[in-house]
Protein backbone atom coordinates (compact mmCIF):
# COMPACT_ATOMS: atom_id res chain seq x y z
CA MET A 1 114.63 0.69 61.94
CA ALA A 2 113.34 4.25 61.63
CA ALA A 3 109.75 2.93 61.50
CA ASP A 4 110.32 1.09 64.79
CA ALA A 5 111.59 4.26 66.44
CA GLN A 6 108.59 6.14 65.09
CA ASP A 7 106.18 3.57 66.58
CA ASP A 8 107.60 4.25 70.05
CA SER A 9 107.41 8.03 69.80
CA PRO A 10 105.49 9.85 72.53
CA ARG A 11 102.94 11.02 69.96
CA ARG A 12 102.33 7.45 68.71
CA ARG A 13 102.01 6.14 72.29
CA ASP A 14 99.56 8.96 73.02
CA ALA A 15 97.43 7.97 70.01
CA ARG A 16 97.42 4.31 71.12
CA ASP A 17 96.52 5.35 74.66
CA ASN A 18 93.66 7.51 73.36
CA ARG A 19 92.34 4.63 71.28
CA GLU A 20 92.52 2.23 74.24
CA ARG A 21 90.77 4.76 76.51
CA LEU A 22 88.03 5.21 73.90
CA VAL A 23 87.45 1.45 73.64
CA ALA A 24 87.38 1.07 77.43
CA ALA A 25 85.05 4.04 77.84
CA ALA A 26 82.74 2.80 75.08
CA ARG A 27 82.54 -0.62 76.72
CA GLU A 28 81.47 1.00 80.00
CA VAL A 29 79.06 3.53 78.49
CA PHE A 30 77.44 0.99 76.14
CA ALA A 31 76.99 -1.38 79.12
CA GLU A 32 75.36 1.35 81.19
CA SER A 33 73.27 3.13 78.56
CA GLY A 34 73.00 0.90 75.50
CA PHE A 35 74.43 1.09 72.00
CA ASP A 36 72.51 4.23 71.00
CA VAL A 37 74.14 6.45 73.61
CA PRO A 38 75.50 9.75 72.22
CA LEU A 39 79.14 9.32 71.21
CA ASP A 40 80.00 12.55 73.04
CA ALA A 41 79.39 10.64 76.30
CA ILE A 42 82.07 8.17 75.30
CA ALA A 43 84.55 10.90 74.38
CA ARG A 44 83.92 12.61 77.74
CA ARG A 45 84.36 9.34 79.65
CA ALA A 46 87.63 8.68 77.81
CA GLY A 47 88.85 12.21 78.49
CA VAL A 48 89.32 13.07 74.82
CA GLY A 49 87.66 15.42 72.36
CA ARG A 50 85.13 14.52 69.69
CA ALA A 51 87.76 14.94 66.97
CA THR A 52 89.95 12.30 68.62
CA LEU A 53 86.99 9.93 68.84
CA TYR A 54 86.06 10.38 65.17
CA ARG A 55 89.70 10.20 64.04
CA ASN A 56 89.87 6.74 65.60
CA PHE A 57 86.31 5.57 64.96
CA PRO A 58 84.21 7.08 62.15
CA ASP A 59 80.97 5.75 63.68
CA ARG A 60 79.58 3.71 66.55
CA TYR A 61 79.80 0.51 64.52
CA ALA A 62 83.55 0.90 64.09
CA LEU A 63 83.81 1.50 67.83
CA GLY A 64 81.61 -1.51 68.57
CA SER A 65 83.71 -3.67 66.24
CA ALA A 66 86.86 -2.57 68.08
CA ILE A 67 85.28 -3.62 71.40
CA PHE A 68 84.21 -6.93 69.92
CA GLU A 69 87.71 -7.59 68.52
CA HIS A 70 89.28 -6.63 71.85
CA ASN A 71 86.91 -9.01 73.66
CA LEU A 72 87.88 -11.89 71.36
CA ALA A 73 91.60 -11.14 71.72
CA THR A 74 91.16 -11.09 75.51
CA LEU A 75 89.44 -14.49 75.42
CA GLU A 76 92.17 -15.93 73.21
CA ALA A 77 94.83 -14.69 75.64
CA LEU A 78 92.87 -16.17 78.55
CA ALA A 79 92.68 -19.52 76.76
CA ARG A 80 96.45 -19.46 76.13
CA ALA A 81 97.10 -18.59 79.78
CA HIS A 82 95.10 -21.63 80.94
CA VAL A 83 96.32 -24.23 78.44
CA GLY A 84 96.42 -27.69 80.00
CA ARG A 85 94.24 -26.81 82.98
CA ALA A 86 91.08 -28.83 83.54
CA ASP A 87 89.22 -25.70 84.69
CA ALA A 88 90.13 -23.73 81.56
CA PHE A 89 86.72 -24.38 79.99
CA THR A 90 84.71 -23.02 82.92
CA ILE A 91 87.07 -20.05 83.28
CA LEU A 92 86.69 -19.27 79.59
CA LEU A 93 82.91 -19.73 79.59
CA SER A 94 82.61 -17.45 82.63
CA ALA A 95 84.70 -14.79 80.87
CA ILE A 96 82.53 -15.04 77.75
CA ILE A 97 79.40 -14.59 79.84
CA GLU A 98 80.91 -11.60 81.66
CA GLN A 99 81.65 -10.04 78.28
CA GLN A 100 78.05 -10.64 77.24
CA ILE A 101 76.84 -8.95 80.40
CA ALA A 102 79.02 -5.92 79.73
CA SER A 103 78.39 -5.83 75.97
CA HIS A 104 74.77 -6.95 75.91
CA ALA A 105 73.66 -4.48 73.25
CA LEU A 106 76.80 -4.71 71.15
CA VAL A 107 76.36 -7.98 69.26
CA PRO A 108 72.77 -7.40 68.08
CA ALA A 109 73.64 -3.87 66.96
CA LEU A 110 76.75 -5.01 65.10
CA MET A 111 74.86 -7.80 63.36
CA THR A 112 72.40 -5.31 61.90
CA GLY A 113 74.88 -2.50 61.29
CA PRO A 114 76.26 -1.32 57.96
CA THR A 115 79.52 -3.22 58.45
CA ALA A 116 78.30 -6.45 60.05
CA PRO A 117 81.09 -8.87 60.94
CA ASP A 118 81.59 -12.13 59.07
CA LEU A 119 79.53 -14.49 61.24
CA GLU A 120 81.10 -17.65 59.84
CA ALA A 121 84.61 -16.36 60.58
CA LEU A 122 83.52 -15.47 64.13
CA ARG A 123 81.98 -18.91 64.60
CA ARG A 124 85.23 -20.58 63.47
CA ARG A 125 87.29 -18.37 65.76
CA MET A 126 85.09 -19.15 68.77
CA THR A 127 85.10 -22.86 67.93
CA ARG A 128 88.92 -22.88 67.85
CA LEU A 129 88.96 -20.91 71.10
CA LEU A 130 86.73 -23.42 72.89
CA ALA A 131 87.96 -26.72 71.40
CA ALA A 132 90.99 -27.52 73.56
CA PRO A 133 89.54 -26.28 76.89
CA LEU A 134 86.37 -28.30 76.21
CA ARG A 135 88.39 -31.47 75.53
CA GLN A 136 90.42 -30.93 78.71
CA ALA A 137 87.26 -30.51 80.80
CA GLN A 138 85.77 -33.63 79.24
CA THR A 139 88.94 -35.64 79.89
CA ALA A 140 88.85 -34.48 83.54
CA GLY A 141 85.21 -35.60 83.80
CA GLN A 142 83.95 -32.06 84.46
CA ILE A 143 81.87 -31.75 81.30
CA ARG A 144 79.84 -34.42 79.55
CA ARG A 145 81.67 -36.16 76.72
CA ASP A 146 79.03 -35.71 74.02
CA LEU A 147 79.17 -31.90 74.19
CA VAL A 148 80.74 -30.24 71.13
CA ALA A 149 81.87 -26.65 70.56
CA ALA A 150 78.72 -25.92 68.51
CA ASP A 151 76.66 -26.85 71.60
CA VAL A 152 78.66 -24.39 73.67
CA LEU A 153 78.04 -21.66 71.10
CA SER A 154 74.32 -22.41 71.42
CA VAL A 155 74.57 -22.09 75.21
CA ILE A 156 76.32 -18.74 74.82
CA ALA A 157 73.56 -17.58 72.46
CA MET A 158 70.91 -18.70 74.97
CA VAL A 159 72.53 -16.78 77.80
CA SER A 160 72.85 -13.77 75.50
CA ALA A 161 69.11 -13.92 74.86
CA VAL A 162 68.46 -13.99 78.61
CA VAL A 163 70.54 -10.90 79.37
CA ILE A 164 69.82 -8.76 76.32
CA HIS A 165 66.83 -6.84 77.70
CA ALA A 166 67.75 -6.73 81.38
CA PRO A 167 67.60 -3.15 82.66
CA SER A 168 71.00 -3.02 84.41
CA VAL A 169 74.37 -4.70 84.68
CA GLY A 170 73.29 -6.22 88.02
CA ALA A 171 70.10 -7.64 86.52
CA ARG A 172 72.06 -9.04 83.55
CA ARG A 173 74.53 -10.65 85.93
CA ARG A 174 71.73 -12.25 87.98
CA ARG A 175 69.94 -13.52 84.88
CA ALA A 176 73.16 -14.90 83.42
CA ALA A 177 74.07 -16.66 86.67
CA ARG A 178 70.66 -18.30 86.85
CA ALA A 179 70.76 -19.34 83.19
CA LEU A 180 74.24 -20.82 83.60
CA GLN A 181 73.16 -22.67 86.71
CA LEU A 182 70.33 -24.25 84.73
CA VAL A 183 72.55 -24.94 81.73
CA PHE A 184 75.32 -26.55 83.78
CA ASP A 185 72.84 -29.10 85.01
CA GLY A 186 72.74 -30.22 81.38
CA LEU A 187 76.49 -29.91 80.78
CA VAL A 188 77.87 -31.96 83.63
CA PRO A 189 78.18 -35.71 83.17
CA ARG A 190 75.35 -37.86 84.43
CA SER A 191 76.21 -40.29 87.24
């Protein structure tokens, strides 16, 4: 009981708020300036000092991993919120692409960083995330029946490759929209 009261203390809430502000600021700053941006810029954007940043995240890879984890948790919540809806797949795919646009430099940097995530675990998590919405879209006739989750992961990787070197968020968004338009021609059922 005492531990529960401690978790709700103003100091604990302040620490959680600082961490959330740092993750949000890092997402914005990385999207604008790339993964190699000075971490001081992130601390300034979050409105915290360098010590607070480093207390929460010892390096940029830990910060990037926190963004990546937050992105996945957000997608999982979105999937839960749209369970049973035929449009859940397209909503989820659009959200994944938006995350790629915002975090374009994050995934490649994390994959080569000192604490690279477990790619197989991530693949399984994404496959679980996409499985039910994909089946629902196929049942509704919105997506071709022979498409499997691994195909969708390939599509996501292709769009990622298209946006990775775009010079701005707007350019990434335009490139992603065009790539998805071309891809959807291959995803929809043939008449």
